[in-house]
Every structure is written in C-alpha cells, then in structure tokens.
C-alpha atoms as a PDB file:
ATOM      1  CA  MET A   1     167.517 104.137 126.374  1.00  0.00           C
ATOM      2  CA  ASN A   2     165.134 105.271 123.624  1.00  0.00           C
ATOM      3  CA  ASN A   3     164.338 101.666 122.659  1.00  0.00           C
ATOM      4  CA  TYR A   4     163.568 100.837 126.286  1.00  0.00           C
ATOM      5  CA  GLN A   5     161.099 103.718 126.509  1.00  0.00           C
ATOM      6  CA  GLN A   6     159.592 103.061 123.074  1.00  0.00           C
ATOM      7  CA  GLN A   7     158.553  99.450 123.688  1.00  0.00           C
ATOM      8  CA  PRO A   8     155.914 100.054 126.398  1.00  0.00           C
ATOM      9  CA  ARG A   9     154.398 102.884 124.359  1.00  0.00           C
ATOM     10  CA  GLU A  10     154.068 100.652 121.271  1.00  0.00           C
ATOM     11  CA  THR A  11     152.552  97.868 123.359  1.00  0.00           C
ATOM     12  CA  ILE A  12     149.979 100.230 124.843  1.00  0.00           C
ATOM     13  CA  ASN A  13     149.094 101.650 121.420  1.00  0.00           C
ATOM     14  CA  THR A  14     148.683  98.138 119.991  1.00  0.00           C
ATOM     15  CA  GLN A  15     146.366  97.134 122.822  1.00  0.00           C
ATOM     16  CA  VAL A  16     144.297 100.299 122.432  1.00  0.00           C
ATOM     17  CA  GLY A  17     143.992  99.654 118.701  1.00  0.00           C
ATOM     18  CA  LEU A  18     142.994  96.042 119.291  1.00  0.00           C
ATOM     19  CA  ASN A  19     140.353  97.022 121.845  1.00  0.00           C
ATOM     20  CA  SER A  20     138.954  99.593 119.416  1.00  0.00           C
ATOM     21  CA  PHE A  21     138.850  97.001 116.626  1.00  0.00           C
ATOM     22  CA  LEU A  22     137.116  94.388 118.779  1.00  0.00           C
ATOM     23  CA  THR A  23     134.588  96.931 120.032  1.00  0.00           C
ATOM     24  CA  LYS A  24     133.773  97.892 116.454  1.00  0.00           C
ATOM     25  CA  MET A  25     133.527  94.276 115.274  1.00  0.00           C
ATOM     26  CA  PHE A  26     131.321  93.046 118.117  1.00  0.00           C
ATOM     27  CA  GLY A  27     129.314  96.281 118.047  1.00  0.00           C
ATOM     28  CA  TRP A  28     128.459  95.840 114.381  1.00  0.00           C
ATOM     29  CA  MET A  29     127.703  92.159 114.902  1.00  0.00           C
ATOM     30  CA  GLY A  30     125.341  93.090 117.766  1.00  0.00           C
ATOM     31  CA  LEU A  31     123.744  95.798 115.619  1.00  0.00           C
ATOM     32  CA  ALA A  32     123.103  93.251 112.857  1.00  0.00           C
ATOM     33  CA  VAL A  33     121.409  90.949 115.389  1.00  0.00           C
ATOM     34  CA  LEU A  34     119.209  93.805 116.630  1.00  0.00           C
ATOM     35  CA  VAL A  35     118.281  94.771 113.056  1.00  0.00           C
ATOM     36  CA  SER A  36     117.299  91.172 112.315  1.00  0.00           C
ATOM     37  CA  ALA A  37     115.251  90.923 115.523  1.00  0.00           C
ATOM     38  CA  ALA A  38     113.463  94.226 114.796  1.00  0.00           C
ATOM     39  CA  THR A  39     112.752  93.159 111.212  1.00  0.00           C
ATOM     40  CA  ALA A  40     111.382  89.790 112.318  1.00  0.00           C
ATOM     41  CA  PHE A  41     109.186  91.466 114.943  1.00  0.00           C
ATOM     42  CA  TYR A  42     107.815  93.920 112.357  1.00  0.00           C
ATOM     43  CA  MET A  43     107.155  91.143 109.835  1.00  0.00           C
ATOM     44  CA  VAL A  44     105.200  89.118 112.381  1.00  0.00           C
ATOM     45  CA  SER A  45     103.304  91.986 114.046  1.00  0.00           C
ATOM     46  CA  SER A  46     102.290  93.566 110.724  1.00  0.00           C
ATOM     47  CA  GLY A  47     101.347  90.275 109.087  1.00  0.00           C
ATOM     48  CA  ALA A  48     103.920  90.839 106.348  1.00  0.00           C
ATOM     49  CA  VAL A  49     105.434  87.466 107.233  1.00  0.00           C
ATOM     50  CA  TYR A  50     102.747  85.786 105.130  1.00  0.00           C
ATOM     51  CA  ALA A  51     104.211  87.491 102.040  1.00  0.00           C
ATOM     52  CA  MET A  52     107.355  85.388 102.584  1.00  0.00           C
ATOM     53  CA  ARG A  53     105.525  82.295 101.417  1.00  0.00           C
ATOM     54  CA  GLY A  54     106.003  80.896  97.927  1.00  0.00           C
ATOM     55  CA  THR A  55     108.018  83.044  95.531  1.00  0.00           C
ATOM     56  CA  GLY A  56     108.840  85.637  98.180  1.00  0.00           C
ATOM     57  CA  MET A  57     110.453  83.005 100.386  1.00  0.00           C
ATOM     58  CA  LEU A  58     112.405  81.510  97.479  1.00  0.00           C
ATOM     59  CA  VAL A  59     113.821  84.879  96.429  1.00  0.00           C
ATOM     60  CA  GLY A  60     114.664  85.719 100.047  1.00  0.00           C
ATOM     61  CA  LEU A  61     116.524  82.429 100.517  1.00  0.00           C
ATOM     62  CA  ILE A  62     118.529  82.858  97.303  1.00  0.00           C
ATOM     63  CA  VAL A  63     119.659  86.350  98.306  1.00  0.00           C
ATOM     64  CA  TRP A  64     120.237  85.107 101.868  1.00  0.00           C
ATOM     65  CA  PHE A  65     122.743  82.506 100.657  1.00  0.00           C
ATOM     66  CA  ILE A  66     124.516  84.667  98.062  1.00  0.00           C
ATOM     67  CA  LEU A  67     124.868  88.028  99.822  1.00  0.00           C
ATOM     68  CA  PRO A  68     127.482  86.930 102.440  1.00  0.00           C
ATOM     69  CA  PHE A  69     129.901  86.065  99.619  1.00  0.00           C
ATOM     70  CA  VAL A  70     129.346  89.489  98.063  1.00  0.00           C
ATOM     71  CA  ILE A  71     129.926  91.237 101.394  1.00  0.00           C
ATOM     72  CA  SER A  72     133.123  89.268 102.020  1.00  0.00           C
ATOM     73  CA  ALA A  73     134.424  90.116  98.540  1.00  0.00           C
ATOM     74  CA  GLN A  74     133.799  93.841  99.066  1.00  0.00           C
ATOM     75  CA  SER A  75     134.814  94.195 102.720  1.00  0.00           C
ATOM     76  CA  MET A  76     138.490  95.020 102.118  1.00  0.00           C
ATOM     77  CA  LYS A  77     137.901  96.919  98.856  1.00  0.00           C
ATOM     78  CA  ARG A  78     134.861  98.983  99.816  1.00  0.00           C
ATOM     79  CA  PRO A  79     134.338  98.799 103.593  1.00  0.00           C
ATOM     80  CA  THR A  80     131.425 101.253 103.611  1.00  0.00           C
ATOM     81  CA  VAL A  81     129.591  99.300 100.916  1.00  0.00           C
ATOM     82  CA  ALA A  82     130.304  96.067 102.789  1.00  0.00           C
ATOM     83  CA  PHE A  83     128.896  97.533 106.019  1.00  0.00           C
ATOM     84  CA  ALA A  84     125.745  98.625 104.191  1.00  0.00           C
ATOM     85  CA  GLY A  85     125.555  95.114 102.740  1.00  0.00           C
ATOM     86  CA  LEU A  86     125.801  93.640 106.242  1.00  0.00           C
ATOM     87  CA  MET A  87     122.841  95.728 107.380  1.00  0.00           C
ATOM     88  CA  VAL A  88     120.827  94.761 104.289  1.00  0.00           C
ATOM     89  CA  TYR A  89     121.690  91.136 104.961  1.00  0.00           C
ATOM     90  CA  ALA A  90     120.518  91.534 108.563  1.00  0.00           C
ATOM     91  CA  VAL A  91     117.161  92.823 107.307  1.00  0.00           C
ATOM     92  CA  ILE A  92     116.789  89.925 104.855  1.00  0.00           C
ATOM     93  CA  THR A  93     117.756  87.451 107.574  1.00  0.00           C
ATOM     94  CA  GLY A  94     115.147  88.947 109.892  1.00  0.00           C
ATOM     95  CA  ALA A  95     112.514  88.578 107.183  1.00  0.00           C
ATOM     96  CA  VAL A  96     113.472  84.942 106.579  1.00  0.00           C
ATOM     97  CA  LEU A  97     113.594  84.155 110.295  1.00  0.00           C
ATOM     98  CA  SER A  98     110.171  85.725 110.827  1.00  0.00           C
ATOM     99  CA  THR A  99     108.675  82.667 109.130  1.00  0.00           C
ATOM    100  CA  TYR A 100     109.844  80.579 112.091  1.00  0.00           C
ATOM    101  CA  ALA A 101     107.214  82.366 114.183  1.00  0.00           C
ATOM    102  CA  LEU A 102     104.657  80.398 112.182  1.00  0.00           C
ATOM    103  CA  ILE A 103     106.315  77.136 113.242  1.00  0.00           C
ATOM    104  CA  TYR A 104     107.544  77.741 116.802  1.00  0.00           C
ATOM    105  CA  THR A 105     105.935  79.380 119.829  1.00  0.00           C
ATOM    106  CA  GLY A 106     107.064  82.786 121.073  1.00  0.00           C
ATOM    107  CA  ALA A 107     108.382  81.197 124.257  1.00  0.00           C
ATOM    108  CA  ALA A 108     110.502  78.733 122.270  1.00  0.00           C
ATOM    109  CA  ILE A 109     111.953  81.534 120.138  1.00  0.00           C
ATOM    110  CA  GLY A 110     112.770  83.592 123.238  1.00  0.00           C
ATOM    111  CA  GLN A 111     114.437  80.644 124.965  1.00  0.00           C
ATOM    112  CA  ALA A 112     116.468  79.851 121.848  1.00  0.00           C
ATOM    113  CA  PHE A 113     117.607  83.463 121.501  1.00  0.00           C
ATOM    114  CA  VAL A 114     118.750  83.736 125.122  1.00  0.00           C
ATOM    115  CA  SER A 115     120.441  80.325 124.995  1.00  0.00           C
ATOM    116  CA  ALA A 116     122.245  81.206 121.756  1.00  0.00           C
ATOM    117  CA  ALA A 117     123.385  84.516 123.258  1.00  0.00           C
ATOM    118  CA  VAL A 118     124.802  82.786 126.345  1.00  0.00           C
ATOM    119  CA  VAL A 119     126.638  80.181 124.271  1.00  0.00           C
ATOM    120  CA  PHE A 120     127.933  82.820 121.850  1.00  0.00           C
ATOM    121  CA  VAL A 121     129.260  85.169 124.543  1.00  0.00           C
ATOM    122  CA  THR A 122     130.892  82.278 126.403  1.00  0.00           C
ATOM    123  CA  MET A 123     132.658  80.936 123.316  1.00  0.00           C
ATOM    124  CA  ALA A 124     133.672  84.407 122.133  1.00  0.00           C
ATOM    125  CA  LEU A 125     135.297  85.078 125.514  1.00  0.00           C
ATOM    126  CA  ILE A 126     137.136  81.769 125.241  1.00  0.00           C
ATOM    127  CA  GLY A 127     138.355  82.777 121.798  1.00  0.00           C
ATOM    128  CA  LEU A 128     139.583  86.123 123.115  1.00  0.00           C
ATOM    129  CA  THR A 129     141.348  84.852 126.211  1.00  0.00           C
ATOM    130  CA  THR A 130     142.632  81.336 125.502  1.00  0.00           C
ATOM    131  CA  LYS A 131     146.356  80.902 124.876  1.00  0.00           C
ATOM    132  CA  ARG A 132     145.725  77.785 122.812  1.00  0.00           C
ATOM    133  CA  ASP A 133     145.859  78.054 119.030  1.00  0.00           C
ATOM    134  CA  LEU A 134     142.355  77.159 117.832  1.00  0.00           C
ATOM    135  CA  THR A 135     143.279  76.840 114.149  1.00  0.00           C
ATOM    136  CA  LYS A 136     143.116  73.044 114.228  1.00  0.00           C
ATOM    137  CA  VAL A 137     139.794  73.177 116.098  1.00  0.00           C
ATOM    138  CA  GLY A 138     138.377  75.585 113.533  1.00  0.00           C
ATOM    139  CA  THR A 139     139.579  73.492 110.599  1.00  0.00           C
ATOM    140  CA  GLN A 140     138.064  70.339 112.070  1.00  0.00           C
ATOM    141  CA  ALA A 141     134.805  72.142 112.859  1.00  0.00           C
ATOM    142  CA  THR A 142     134.588  73.435 109.279  1.00  0.00           C
ATOM    143  CA  ALA A 143     135.166  69.939 107.870  1.00  0.00           C
ATOM    144  CA  ALA A 144     132.589  68.521 110.283  1.00  0.00           C
ATOM    145  CA  LEU A 145     130.085  71.190 109.209  1.00  0.00           C
ATOM    146  CA  ILE A 146     130.445  70.236 105.552  1.00  0.00           C
ATOM    147  CA  GLY A 147     129.876  66.575 106.400  1.00  0.00           C
ATOM    148  CA  LEU A 148     126.916  67.471 108.604  1.00  0.00           C
ATOM    149  CA  LEU A 149     125.268  69.514 105.850  1.00  0.00           C
ATOM    150  CA  VAL A 150     125.510  66.559 103.479  1.00  0.00           C
ATOM    151  CA  ALA A 151     124.050  64.240 106.125  1.00  0.00           C
ATOM    152  CA  MET A 152     121.229  66.723 106.831  1.00  0.00           C
ATOM    153  CA  VAL A 153     120.278  66.818 103.159  1.00  0.00           C
ATOM    154  CA  LEU A 154     120.271  63.015 102.986  1.00  0.00           C
ATOM    155  CA  ASN A 155     118.059  62.801 106.067  1.00  0.00           C
ATOM    156  CA  MET A 156     115.711  65.409 104.637  1.00  0.00           C
ATOM    157  CA  LEU A 157     115.357  63.581 101.319  1.00  0.00           C
ATOM    158  CA  ILE A 158     115.572  59.918 102.341  1.00  0.00           C
ATOM    159  CA  PHE A 159     115.303  59.070 106.028  1.00  0.00           C
ATOM    160  CA  LYS A 160     113.164  61.956 107.320  1.00  0.00           C
ATOM    161  CA  SER A 161     113.846  60.937 110.923  1.00  0.00           C
ATOM    162  CA  PRO A 162     113.094  63.428 113.755  1.00  0.00           C
ATOM    163  CA  THR A 163     115.575  61.573 115.972  1.00  0.00           C
ATOM    164  CA  ILE A 164     118.365  62.099 113.443  1.00  0.00           C
ATOM    165  CA  VAL A 165     117.368  65.766 113.155  1.00  0.00           C
ATOM    166  CA  LEU A 166     117.694  66.130 116.932  1.00  0.00           C
ATOM    167  CA  ILE A 167     121.128  64.477 116.965  1.00  0.00           C
ATOM    168  CA  PHE A 168     122.311  66.616 114.058  1.00  0.00           C
ATOM    169  CA  SER A 169     121.087  69.780 115.812  1.00  0.00           C
ATOM    170  CA  PHE A 170     123.124  68.991 118.934  1.00  0.00           C
ATOM    171  CA  ILE A 171     126.174  68.322 116.772  1.00  0.00           C
ATOM    172  CA  ALA A 172     125.597  71.590 114.912  1.00  0.00           C
ATOM    173  CA  VAL A 173     125.469  73.528 118.200  1.00  0.00           C
ATOM    174  CA  ILE A 174     128.861  72.063 119.133  1.00  0.00           C
ATOM    175  CA  ILE A 175     130.280  72.896 115.697  1.00  0.00           C
ATOM    176  CA  PHE A 176     129.085  76.514 115.677  1.00  0.00           C
ATOM    177  CA  SER A 177     130.232  76.975 119.272  1.00  0.00           C
ATOM    178  CA  ALA A 178     133.731  75.902 118.204  1.00  0.00           C
ATOM    179  CA  LEU A 179     133.547  78.159 115.136  1.00  0.00           C
ATOM    180  CA  THR A 180     132.556  81.122 117.308  1.00  0.00           C
ATOM    181  CA  ALA A 181     135.670  80.715 119.463  1.00  0.00           C
ATOM    182  CA  TRP A 182     137.870  80.153 116.407  1.00  0.00           C
ATOM    183  CA  ASP A 183     136.469  83.096 114.404  1.00  0.00           C
ATOM    184  CA  THR A 184     136.947  85.394 117.397  1.00  0.00           C
ATOM    185  CA  GLN A 185     140.562  84.327 117.880  1.00  0.00           C
ATOM    186  CA  LYS A 186     141.208  84.404 114.126  1.00  0.00           C
ATOM    187  CA  MET A 187     139.995  87.995 113.743  1.00  0.00           C
ATOM    188  CA  GLN A 188     142.048  89.063 116.756  1.00  0.00           C
ATOM    189  CA  LYS A 189     145.162  87.511 115.192  1.00  0.00           C
ATOM    190  CA  LEU A 190     144.436  89.032 111.785  1.00  0.00           C
ATOM    191  CA  TYR A 191     144.271  92.477 113.336  1.00  0.00           C
ATOM    192  CA  MET A 192     147.541  91.946 115.204  1.00  0.00           C
ATOM    193  CA  GLN A 193     149.260  90.802 112.008  1.00  0.00           C
ATOM    194  CA  TYR A 194     147.724  93.059 109.356  1.00  0.00           C
ATOM    195  CA  GLY A 195     145.891  95.826 111.210  1.00  0.00           C
ATOM    196  CA  ASP A 196     148.374  98.458 110.074  1.00  0.00           C
ATOM    197  CA  GLN A 197     148.372  97.238 106.463  1.00  0.00           C
ATOM    198  CA  VAL A 198     144.683  96.928 105.634  1.00  0.00           C
ATOM    199  CA  SER A 199     141.431  98.742 106.351  1.00  0.00           C
ATOM    200  CA  THR A 200     140.482  97.978 109.938  1.00  0.00           C
ATOM    201  CA  THR A 201     136.906  98.919 109.045  1.00  0.00           C
ATOM    202  CA  GLY A 202     136.844  96.266 106.330  1.00  0.00           C
ATOM    203  CA  LEU A 203     138.411  93.760 108.705  1.00  0.00           C
ATOM    204  CA  ALA A 204     135.781  94.580 111.336  1.00  0.00           C
ATOM    205  CA  VAL A 205     132.974  94.080 108.805  1.00  0.00           C
ATOM    206  CA  THR A 206     134.434  90.691 107.848  1.00  0.00           C
ATOM    207  CA  GLY A 207     134.610  89.626 111.489  1.00  0.00           C
ATOM    208  CA  ALA A 208     131.142  90.969 112.266  1.00  0.00           C
ATOM    209  CA  LEU A 209     129.667  88.990 109.358  1.00  0.00           C
ATOM    210  CA  GLN A 210     131.367  85.740 110.392  1.00  0.00           C
ATOM    211  CA  LEU A 211     130.299  86.072 114.013  1.00  0.00           C
ATOM    212  CA  TYR A 212     126.781  87.090 112.995  1.00  0.00           C
ATOM    213  CA  LEU A 213     126.484  83.922 110.911  1.00  0.00           C
ATOM    214  CA  ASP A 214     127.761  81.861 113.844  1.00  0.00           C
ATOM    215  CA  PHE A 215     125.129  83.384 116.128  1.00  0.00           C
ATOM    216  CA  VAL A 216     122.262  82.952 113.669  1.00  0.00           C
ATOM    217  CA  ASN A 217     123.138  79.300 113.112  1.00  0.00           C
ATOM    218  CA  LEU A 218     123.439  78.692 116.853  1.00  0.00           C
ATOM    219  CA  PHE A 219     120.002  80.243 117.300  1.00  0.00           C
ATOM    220  CA  LEU A 220     118.424  78.148 114.544  1.00  0.00           C
ATOM    221  CA  GLN A 221     119.854  74.871 115.795  1.00  0.00           C
ATOM    222  CA  ILE A 222     118.899  75.540 119.422  1.00  0.00           C
ATOM    223  CA  LEU A 223     115.418  76.590 118.282  1.00  0.00           C
ATOM    224  CA  GLN A 224     115.068  73.315 116.400  1.00  0.00           C
ATOM    225  CA  ILE A 225     116.057  71.367 119.514  1.00  0.00           C
ATOM    226  CA  ILE A 226     113.543  73.246 121.662  1.00  0.00           C
ATOM    227  CA  GLY A 227     110.891  72.757 118.971  1.00  0.00           C
ATOM    228  CA  LEU A 228     111.391  69.003 118.999  1.00  0.00           C
ATOM    229  CA  PHE A 229     110.807  69.024 122.754  1.00  0.00           C
ATOM    230  CA  GLY A 230     107.435  70.718 122.537  1.00  0.00           C
ATOM    231  CA  GLY A 231     108.228  74.262 121.375  1.00  0.00           C
ATOM    232  CA  SER A 232     106.522  73.910 118.024  1.00  0.00           C
ATOM    233  CA  ARG A 233     102.985  75.089 117.177  1.00  0.00           C
ATOM    234  CA  ASP A 234     102.022  71.690 115.728  1.00  0.00           C
END
C-alpha cells in the first residue's frame, strides 16, 4: 500500500525537478543571448566596435575559442565560477559579433536573429518532446560538423568560392539545428540520470553553454546566407 502511494509522489517530484532544471538552463541561455545582444549594440552605438580591429580582434577571437573549454571544465566543480564565465563569454561574444555590423546591414542582422530564434525554439521543442533517441543523430551531426569545418578552411584558403560558402552555410544550419535538438534531449536525460548525484546548477550551466553555442552558430550561418543574397554592406 505504501509503495503504491509513494510512486506517484516520486514521479511528481521528478517532473517538478526537471521543469525547474530546464527553466534554469534555458533561462541562463536566454540571458547569455541578451547579454551578447546588449554588448553588440553598445559596441556599435558607441563606436567601440572599431577597437576590435587588428590586435583587439585577434585577442578577442583567441579568448572566444578557449573560454568555452574552461567553462565546461569548471561547471561541475565550481558552478558559480562557471556561470560567471558564461556571462563573461557572452560579453566577449557580443563584442566579436559587433564587428558583423560593419559587414551586414541592420535589417539582415535582425532577420538572421529572428530566423535563428525560430529555428532554435522549434528544434529545442523537438528535443524535449520526441520519443526518439537522438544520440545517433547528434553523433552524425558532430562528425559532419568536423568535416564541414575542414572543408570551410579549404574553401577559404584555396577555392574562395561564394557558391561553396552558400552551400556550406545551408549545411551548417541543418547541422546546428540537429545539434540543438540533440543537446536539449541530452541535457534532459543527464538530469534524469544524474540530477540527484551532481550539482544541478553546474549541469544547467553546461546545458546553457551548449545551447548558447548552437544558437550563436545558427545565427552566424543564417546571417551569412542572408548576406550572400543582398544583406551585406558591400
């Protein structure tokens, strides 16, 4: 009799905990996006974006690539430090992205942001609700991303073809859309399996960082597509 009464209560508590975790993860991811947008707006409106040229841009890019690894390494050990790192990373990302305002029109940037948001929300909902295991999809998307990065570098150095850039951008949108769904499902599963054994704050920071990176890359690839169709300042 006690076991029969206990099961519903445990199920309800698990669902409440999961909802709280997801709210925290997506909330922090959304906050990081807002911080980046506010930073980019300040950099452009104040003219500070021009300081990102030359050495400033190089330093920003180096930190931009390295910091996510540092945040991931600290997320489960020092969740508060990792969260602070996520916010710092959002500021740096905003500063780096502000330079795109010198290349693309404001309308193109706005269209890319809205489009990326729609794609992201759609794929995140799929990741949350689908009954299908997306592990294979995520693994294939990760492998495809590695191959695509190599091909992008080769095109940049050798072929320099705008048509290839356009094709690669469409492929990248598909890849990051798949990764968004997979990362969402993966974090949900991790919480269900280890939520009572690890810091849920650290887990939420890890998920927020992964989803933030998915969104930023979706935005950049969609912006590049729009730019090739007349959204650039050239």
